[in-house]
Amino acid sequence: MEIRDDSISFEVEKVLHAKRYKRLGLISMRKRMEIFGGQLVLESTPGKGTTVRATLPAGKEKVSS
């Protein structure tokens, strides 16, 4: 899943590694993705906005006998 916006940007590393968690949303999203073996990628560029990309591994299909 990928979500993009063209609003103001932010410093991704600063937000994710802040010692005081004022905004838990992105940190919580990343942790949840990791629990399921996925990945959350955040890109934020001044003048271009922010992209949030979430990926999960494909599950194995159950074979019926």
Protein backbone atom coordinates (compact mmCIF):
# COMPACT_ATOMS: atom_id res chain seq x y z
CA MET A 1 0.00 0.00 0.00
CA GLU A 2 1.31 3.45 -0.79
CA ILE A 3 -0.06 6.79 0.35
CA ARG A 4 1.27 10.10 -0.98
CA ASP A 5 0.55 13.71 -0.20
CA ASP A 6 1.95 17.00 -1.38
CA SER A 7 1.80 18.86 1.92
CA ILE A 8 4.71 20.05 4.01
CA SER A 9 7.40 17.52 4.75
CA PHE A 10 9.00 16.43 8.02
CA GLU A 11 12.30 14.94 9.14
CA VAL A 12 11.59 11.19 9.13
CA GLU A 13 14.55 10.09 11.27
CA LYS A 14 13.89 12.82 13.81
CA VAL A 15 10.29 11.71 14.23
CA LEU A 16 11.08 7.98 14.40
CA HIS A 17 13.97 8.34 16.85
CA ALA A 18 12.59 11.06 19.10
CA LYS A 19 13.18 10.43 22.78
CA ARG A 20 9.85 11.99 23.63
CA TYR A 21 7.11 10.38 21.62
CA LYS A 22 4.65 13.15 20.85
CA ARG A 23 3.41 11.33 17.76
CA LEU A 24 3.08 7.60 18.20
CA GLY A 25 1.17 6.96 14.97
CA LEU A 26 4.13 6.39 12.65
CA ILE A 27 6.14 4.54 15.27
CA SER A 28 3.17 2.29 16.05
CA MET A 29 2.56 1.64 12.36
CA ARG A 30 6.19 0.61 11.85
CA LYS A 31 6.14 -1.74 14.86
CA ARG A 32 2.92 -3.40 13.68
CA MET A 33 4.33 -3.99 10.22
CA GLU A 34 7.47 -5.55 11.71
CA ILE A 35 5.36 -7.92 13.86
CA PHE A 36 3.86 -9.38 10.66
CA GLY A 37 7.19 -9.50 8.81
CA GLY A 38 6.41 -6.40 6.78
CA GLN A 39 8.10 -3.08 6.28
CA LEU A 40 7.05 0.56 6.57
CA VAL A 41 9.02 3.03 4.48
CA LEU A 42 8.63 6.77 4.97
CA GLU A 43 9.95 9.34 2.53
CA SER A 44 9.50 13.04 3.10
CA THR A 45 11.05 15.67 0.84
CA PRO A 46 10.67 19.45 1.14
CA GLY A 47 8.55 20.75 -1.71
CA LYS A 48 7.46 17.26 -2.74
CA GLY A 49 5.51 16.01 0.28
CA THR A 50 5.47 12.66 2.01
CA THR A 51 5.10 9.04 0.91
CA VAL A 52 4.22 6.19 3.27
CA ARG A 53 4.74 2.72 1.80
CA ALA A 54 3.66 -0.43 3.65
CA THR A 55 4.55 -3.89 2.38
CA LEU A 56 3.73 -7.33 3.73
CA PRO A 57 5.08 -10.68 2.54
CA ALA A 58 2.68 -12.81 0.55
CA GLY A 59 1.19 -15.59 2.66
CA LYS A 60 1.49 -19.24 1.77
CA GLU A 61 -1.61 -20.78 0.29
CA LYS A 62 -3.11 -23.69 2.16
CA VAL A 63 -3.22 -26.86 0.13
CA SER A 64 -6.34 -28.91 0.70
CA SER A 65 -6.00 -32.69 0.70
